[in-house]
PDB file of N, CA and C in Angstrom:
ATOM      1  N   MET A   1      92.645 130.482  43.670  1.00  0.00           N
ATOM      2  CA  MET A   1      91.912 130.804  42.455  1.00  0.00           C
ATOM      3  C   MET A   1      91.200 129.554  41.938  1.00  0.00           C
ATOM      4  N   THR A   2      90.075 129.774  41.324  1.00  0.00           N
ATOM      5  CA  THR A   2      89.329 128.650  40.782  1.00  0.00           C
ATOM      6  C   THR A   2      89.487 128.587  39.275  1.00  0.00           C
ATOM      7  N   GLY A   3      89.361 127.387  38.747  1.00  0.00           N
ATOM      8  CA  GLY A   3      89.493 127.194  37.301  1.00  0.00           C
ATOM      9  C   GLY A   3      88.220 127.572  36.567  1.00  0.00           C
ATOM     10  N   ILE A   4      88.379 127.936  35.319  1.00  0.00           N
ATOM     11  CA  ILE A   4      87.242 128.189  34.447  1.00  0.00           C
ATOM     12  C   ILE A   4      86.921 126.858  33.791  1.00  0.00           C
ATOM     13  N   ALA A   5      85.691 126.426  33.855  1.00  0.00           N
ATOM     14  CA  ALA A   5      85.290 125.094  33.405  1.00  0.00           C
ATOM     15  C   ALA A   5      85.880 124.734  32.049  1.00  0.00           C
ATOM     16  N   ASN A   6      86.724 123.737  32.050  1.00  0.00           N
ATOM     17  CA  ASN A   6      87.286 123.135  30.832  1.00  0.00           C
ATOM     18  C   ASN A   6      88.115 124.088  29.975  1.00  0.00           C
ATOM     19  N   ALA A   7      88.583 125.206  30.540  1.00  0.00           N
ATOM     20  CA  ALA A   7      89.391 126.159  29.770  1.00  0.00           C
ATOM     21  C   ALA A   7      90.873 125.872  29.983  1.00  0.00           C
ATOM     22  N   VAL A   8      91.611 125.891  28.877  1.00  0.00           N
ATOM     23  CA  VAL A   8      93.038 125.604  28.898  1.00  0.00           C
ATOM     24  C   VAL A   8      93.767 126.670  28.092  1.00  0.00           C
ATOM     25  N   CYS A   9      94.921 127.110  28.597  1.00  0.00           N
ATOM     26  CA  CYS A   9      95.794 128.012  27.846  1.00  0.00           C
ATOM     27  C   CYS A   9      96.896 127.162  27.220  1.00  0.00           C
ATOM     28  N   VAL A  10      97.119 127.347  25.941  1.00  0.00           N
ATOM     29  CA  VAL A  10      98.127 126.569  25.211  1.00  0.00           C
ATOM     30  C   VAL A  10      99.113 127.531  24.565  1.00  0.00           C
ATOM     31  N   ASP A  11     100.395 127.277  24.773  1.00  0.00           N
ATOM     32  CA  ASP A  11     101.436 128.118  24.194  1.00  0.00           C
ATOM     33  C   ASP A  11     101.728 127.652  22.765  1.00  0.00           C
ATOM     34  N   ASP A  12     100.781 127.935  21.871  1.00  0.00           N
ATOM     35  CA  ASP A  12     100.884 127.586  20.457  1.00  0.00           C
ATOM     36  C   ASP A  12      99.881 128.462  19.702  1.00  0.00           C
ATOM     37  N   THR A  13      99.994 128.528  18.400  1.00  0.00           N
ATOM     38  CA  THR A  13      99.086 129.370  17.616  1.00  0.00           C
ATOM     39  C   THR A  13      97.697 128.738  17.541  1.00  0.00           C
ATOM     40  N   PRO A  14      96.657 129.561  17.369  1.00  0.00           N
ATOM     41  CA  PRO A  14      95.306 129.016  17.237  1.00  0.00           C
ATOM     42  C   PRO A  14      95.191 128.000  16.086  1.00  0.00           C
ATOM     43  N   GLN A  15      95.850 128.271  14.961  1.00  0.00           N
ATOM     44  CA  GLN A  15      95.782 127.355  13.816  1.00  0.00           C
ATOM     45  C   GLN A  15      96.407 126.004  14.156  1.00  0.00           C
ATOM     46  N   ALA A  16      97.542 126.028  14.853  1.00  0.00           N
ATOM     47  CA  ALA A  16      98.209 124.779  15.227  1.00  0.00           C
ATOM     48  C   ALA A  16      97.382 123.997  16.251  1.00  0.00           C
ATOM     49  N   VAL A  17      96.782 124.714  17.201  1.00  0.00           N
ATOM     50  CA  VAL A  17      95.952 124.050  18.213  1.00  0.00           C
ATOM     51  C   VAL A  17      94.727 123.423  17.555  1.00  0.00           C
ATOM     52  N   LYS A  18      94.096 124.145  16.636  1.00  0.00           N
ATOM     53  CA  LYS A  18      92.921 123.629  15.928  1.00  0.00           C
ATOM     54  C   LYS A  18      93.273 122.332  15.182  1.00  0.00           C
ATOM     55  N   GLN A  19      94.412 122.338  14.491  1.00  0.00           N
ATOM     56  CA  GLN A  19      94.849 121.144  13.752  1.00  0.00           C
ATOM     57  C   GLN A  19      95.129 119.986  14.694  1.00  0.00           C
ATOM     58  N   ARG A  20      95.822 120.259  15.799  1.00  0.00           N
ATOM     59  CA  ARG A  20      96.161 119.200  16.759  1.00  0.00           C
ATOM     60  C   ARG A  20      94.901 118.623  17.389  1.00  0.00           C
ATOM     61  N   CYS A  21      93.924 119.469  17.698  1.00  0.00           N
ATOM     62  CA  CYS A  21      92.661 118.981  18.259  1.00  0.00           C
ATOM     63  C   CYS A  21      91.962 118.065  17.267  1.00  0.00           C
ATOM     64  N   ARG A  22      91.975 118.441  16.003  1.00  0.00           N
ATOM     65  CA  ARG A  22      91.360 117.615  14.964  1.00  0.00           C
ATOM     66  C   ARG A  22      92.056 116.250  14.893  1.00  0.00           C
ATOM     67  N   GLU A  23      93.390 116.261  14.913  1.00  0.00           N
ATOM     68  CA  GLU A  23      94.165 115.015  14.854  1.00  0.00           C
ATOM     69  C   GLU A  23      93.933 114.131  16.067  1.00  0.00           C
ATOM     70  N   GLU A  24      93.804 114.746  17.236  1.00  0.00           N
ATOM     71  CA  GLU A  24      93.673 114.003  18.488  1.00  0.00           C
ATOM     72  C   GLU A  24      92.217 113.673  18.841  1.00  0.00           C
ATOM     73  N   GLY A  25      91.263 114.217  18.083  1.00  0.00           N
ATOM     74  CA  GLY A  25      89.849 113.977  18.377  1.00  0.00           C
ATOM     75  C   GLY A  25      89.358 114.730  19.602  1.00  0.00           C
ATOM     76  N   ILE A  26      89.958 115.874  19.869  1.00  0.00           N
ATOM     77  CA  ILE A  26      89.573 116.704  21.012  1.00  0.00           C
ATOM     78  C   ILE A  26      88.466 117.659  20.568  1.00  0.00           C
ATOM     79  N   HIS A  27      87.373 117.689  21.339  1.00  0.00           N
ATOM     80  CA  HIS A  27      86.235 118.537  21.003  1.00  0.00           C
ATOM     81  C   HIS A  27      86.271 119.808  21.847  1.00  0.00           C
ATOM     82  N   TYR A  28      86.027 120.929  21.212  1.00  0.00           N
ATOM     83  CA  TYR A  28      86.036 122.199  21.926  1.00  0.00           C
ATOM     84  C   TYR A  28      84.871 123.056  21.439  1.00  0.00           C
ATOM     85  N   SER A  29      84.473 124.011  22.289  1.00  0.00           N
ATOM     86  CA  SER A  29      83.375 124.898  21.910  1.00  0.00           C
ATOM     87  C   SER A  29      83.882 126.296  21.581  1.00  0.00           C
ATOM     88  N   LEU A  30      85.101 126.627  22.001  1.00  0.00           N
ATOM     89  CA  LEU A  30      85.661 127.945  21.723  1.00  0.00           C
ATOM     90  C   LEU A  30      87.175 127.831  21.625  1.00  0.00           C
ATOM     91  N   LEU A  31      87.733 128.482  20.615  1.00  0.00           N
ATOM     92  CA  LEU A  31      89.172 128.550  20.441  1.00  0.00           C
ATOM     93  C   LEU A  31      89.477 129.995  20.061  1.00  0.00           C
ATOM     94  N   SER A  32      90.315 130.653  20.863  1.00  0.00           N
ATOM     95  CA  SER A  32      90.564 132.074  20.653  1.00  0.00           C
ATOM     96  C   SER A  32      92.029 132.391  20.901  1.00  0.00           C
ATOM     97  N   GLU A  33      92.533 133.386  20.189  1.00  0.00           N
ATOM     98  CA  GLU A  33      93.896 133.844  20.435  1.00  0.00           C
ATOM     99  C   GLU A  33      93.953 134.470  21.821  1.00  0.00           C
ATOM    100  N   GLY A  34      95.001 134.140  22.569  1.00  0.00           N
ATOM    101  CA  GLY A  34      95.158 134.682  23.910  1.00  0.00           C
ATOM    102  C   GLY A  34      95.470 136.171  23.876  1.00  0.00           C
ATOM    103  N   LEU A  35      95.221 136.868  24.978  1.00  0.00           N
ATOM    104  CA  LEU A  35      95.483 138.305  25.051  1.00  0.00           C
ATOM    105  C   LEU A  35      96.978 138.607  25.058  1.00  0.00           C
ATOM    106  N   LYS A  36      97.762 137.752  25.704  1.00  0.00           N
ATOM    107  CA  LYS A  36      99.200 137.978  25.803  1.00  0.00           C
ATOM    108  C   LYS A  36      99.985 137.055  24.874  1.00  0.00           C
ATOM    109  N   PHE A  37      99.612 135.794  24.817  1.00  0.00           N
ATOM    110  CA  PHE A  37     100.310 134.823  23.988  1.00  0.00           C
ATOM    111  C   PHE A  37      99.444 133.584  23.822  1.00  0.00           C
ATOM    112  N   GLY A  38      99.766 132.788  22.845  1.00  0.00           N
ATOM    113  CA  GLY A  38      99.146 131.479  22.703  1.00  0.00           C
ATOM    114  C   GLY A  38      97.665 131.486  22.394  1.00  0.00           C
ATOM    115  N   THR A  39      97.002 130.443  22.864  1.00  0.00           N
ATOM    116  CA  THR A  39      95.605 130.180  22.532  1.00  0.00           C
ATOM    117  C   THR A  39      94.818 129.805  23.777  1.00  0.00           C
ATOM    118  N   ILE A  40      93.607 130.304  23.857  1.00  0.00           N
ATOM    119  CA  ILE A  40      92.675 129.898  24.908  1.00  0.00           C
ATOM    120  C   ILE A  40      91.707 128.916  24.268  1.00  0.00           C
ATOM    121  N   LEU A  41      91.584 127.770  24.877  1.00  0.00           N
ATOM    122  CA  LEU A  41      90.755 126.698  24.350  1.00  0.00           C
ATOM    123  C   LEU A  41      89.735 126.302  25.408  1.00  0.00           C
ATOM    124  N   VAL A  42      88.455 126.363  25.069  1.00  0.00           N
ATOM    125  CA  VAL A  42      87.411 125.904  25.987  1.00  0.00           C
ATOM    126  C   VAL A  42      86.895 124.579  25.442  1.00  0.00           C
ATOM    127  N   CYS A  43      87.221 123.527  26.153  1.00  0.00           N
ATOM    128  CA  CYS A  43      86.856 122.176  25.719  1.00  0.00           C
ATOM    129  C   CYS A  43      85.420 121.860  26.114  1.00  0.00           C
ATOM    130  N   ARG A  44      84.827 120.931  25.394  1.00  0.00           N
ATOM    131  CA  ARG A  44      83.428 120.557  25.670  1.00  0.00           C
ATOM    132  C   ARG A  44      83.295 119.770  26.961  1.00  0.00           C
ATOM    133  N   THR A  45      84.315 118.981  27.291  1.00  0.00           N
ATOM    134  CA  THR A  45      84.236 118.153  28.500  1.00  0.00           C
ATOM    135  C   THR A  45      85.537 118.259  29.291  1.00  0.00           C
ATOM    136  N   ALA A  46      85.473 117.869  30.551  1.00  0.00           N
ATOM    137  CA  ALA A  46      86.679 117.833  31.386  1.00  0.00           C
ATOM    138  C   ALA A  46      87.678 116.822  30.830  1.00  0.00           C
ATOM    139  N   GLU A  47      87.182 115.753  30.226  1.00  0.00           N
ATOM    140  CA  GLU A  47      88.061 114.742  29.631  1.00  0.00           C
ATOM    141  C   GLU A  47      88.838 115.323  28.455  1.00  0.00           C
ATOM    142  N   ASP A  48      88.176 116.137  27.632  1.00  0.00           N
ATOM    143  CA  ASP A  48      88.867 116.783  26.518  1.00  0.00           C
ATOM    144  C   ASP A  48      89.928 117.753  27.041  1.00  0.00           C
ATOM    145  N   ALA A  49      89.607 118.497  28.093  1.00  0.00           N
ATOM    146  CA  ALA A  49      90.577 119.427  28.678  1.00  0.00           C
ATOM    147  C   ALA A  49      91.792 118.664  29.210  1.00  0.00           C
ATOM    148  N   ALA A  50      91.554 117.549  29.877  1.00  0.00           N
ATOM    149  CA  ALA A  50      92.652 116.730  30.391  1.00  0.00           C
ATOM    150  C   ALA A  50      93.499 116.175  29.242  1.00  0.00           C
ATOM    151  N   HIS A  51      92.847 115.814  28.146  1.00  0.00           N
ATOM    152  CA  HIS A  51      93.552 115.310  26.962  1.00  0.00           C
ATOM    153  C   HIS A  51      94.483 116.390  26.412  1.00  0.00           C
ATOM    154  N   VAL A  52      94.015 117.640  26.331  1.00  0.00           N
ATOM    155  CA  VAL A  52      94.849 118.750  25.862  1.00  0.00           C
ATOM    156  C   VAL A  52      96.067 118.902  26.767  1.00  0.00           C
ATOM    157  N   LEU A  53      95.852 118.854  28.077  1.00  0.00           N
ATOM    158  CA  LEU A  53      96.962 118.995  29.023  1.00  0.00           C
ATOM    159  C   LEU A  53      97.987 117.878  28.841  1.00  0.00           C
ATOM    160  N   ARG A  54      97.522 116.657  28.582  1.00  0.00           N
ATOM    161  CA  ARG A  54      98.446 115.528  28.346  1.00  0.00           C
ATOM    162  C   ARG A  54      99.207 115.712  27.040  1.00  0.00           C
ATOM    163  N   VAL A  55      98.506 116.103  25.981  1.00  0.00           N
ATOM    164  CA  VAL A  55      99.116 116.242  24.655  1.00  0.00           C
ATOM    165  C   VAL A  55     100.171 117.352  24.648  1.00  0.00           C
ATOM    166  N   TYR A  56      99.862 118.485  25.271  1.00  0.00           N
ATOM    167  CA  TYR A  56     100.764 119.631  25.225  1.00  0.00           C
ATOM    168  C   TYR A  56     101.767 119.694  26.374  1.00  0.00           C
ATOM    169  N   GLY A  57     101.551 118.918  27.409  1.00  0.00           N
ATOM    170  CA  GLY A  57     102.508 118.882  28.521  1.00  0.00           C
ATOM    171  C   GLY A  57     102.760 120.259  29.113  1.00  0.00           C
ATOM    172  N   ASP A  58     104.045 120.653  29.172  1.00  0.00           N
ATOM    173  CA  ASP A  58     104.432 121.928  29.780  1.00  0.00           C
ATOM    174  C   ASP A  58     103.985 123.144  28.980  1.00  0.00           C
ATOM    175  N   LEU A  59     103.490 122.939  27.770  1.00  0.00           N
ATOM    176  CA  LEU A  59     103.053 124.066  26.942  1.00  0.00           C
ATOM    177  C   LEU A  59     101.590 124.438  27.198  1.00  0.00           C
ATOM    178  N   ALA A  60     100.942 123.770  28.154  1.00  0.00           N
ATOM    179  CA  ALA A  60      99.534 124.056  28.446  1.00  0.00           C
ATOM    180  C   ALA A  60      99.306 124.067  29.956  1.00  0.00           C
ATOM    181  N   HIS A  61      98.322 124.849  30.372  1.00  0.00           N
ATOM    182  CA  HIS A  61      97.904 124.836  31.764  1.00  0.00           C
ATOM    183  C   HIS A  61      96.430 125.190  31.858  1.00  0.00           C
ATOM    184  N   LYS A  62      95.807 124.739  32.943  1.00  0.00           N
ATOM    185  CA  LYS A  62      94.400 125.023  33.198  1.00  0.00           C
ATOM    186  C   LYS A  62      94.240 126.524  33.377  1.00  0.00           C
ATOM    187  N   ARG A  63      93.286 127.116  32.696  1.00  0.00           N
ATOM    188  CA  ARG A  63      93.075 128.565  32.805  1.00  0.00           C
ATOM    189  C   ARG A  63      92.355 128.873  34.112  1.00  0.00           C
ATOM    190  N   LEU A  64      92.885 129.829  34.839  1.00  0.00           N
ATOM    191  CA  LEU A  64      92.312 130.242  36.112  1.00  0.00           C
ATOM    192  C   LEU A  64      91.611 131.578  35.973  1.00  0.00           C
ATOM    193  N   LYS A  65      90.689 131.872  36.891  1.00  0.00           N
ATOM    194  CA  LYS A  65      90.038 133.191  36.886  1.00  0.00           C
ATOM    195  C   LYS A  65      91.104 134.264  36.968  1.00  0.00           C
ATOM    196  N   GLY A  66      90.977 135.278  36.149  1.00  0.00           N
ATOM    197  CA  GLY A  66      91.934 136.365  36.153  1.00  0.00           C
ATOM    198  C   GLY A  66      93.207 136.070  35.382  1.00  0.00           C
ATOM    199  N   ASP A  67      93.328 134.867  34.846  1.00  0.00           N
ATOM    200  CA  ASP A  67      94.500 134.452  34.069  1.00  0.00           C
ATOM    201  C   ASP A  67      94.350 134.970  32.651  1.00  0.00           C
ATOM    202  N   HIS A  68      95.231 135.850  32.231  1.00  0.00           N
ATOM    203  CA  HIS A  68      95.188 136.391  30.874  1.00  0.00           C
ATOM    204  C   HIS A  68      96.269 135.734  30.062  1.00  0.00           C
ATOM    205  N   CYS A  69      95.905 134.705  29.339  1.00  0.00           N
ATOM    206  CA  CYS A  69      96.853 133.961  28.521  1.00  0.00           C
ATOM    207  C   CYS A  69      97.371 134.846  27.395  1.00  0.00           C
TER     208      CYS A  69
END
């Protein structure tokens, strides 16, 4: 499966993710509640997506095609 450009699934609420991104200086173009759980975050750059993965550790993963977070 291939990744969706700069998309990350985070096991946290959209409000908490938005606040954490603001605190960490992470830029995103879309933040949406996941279909099953958590938050789908589309970062502006690959560096921002990598930053989210580092910040959230095991609570985040790269969103793949067909992946319904």
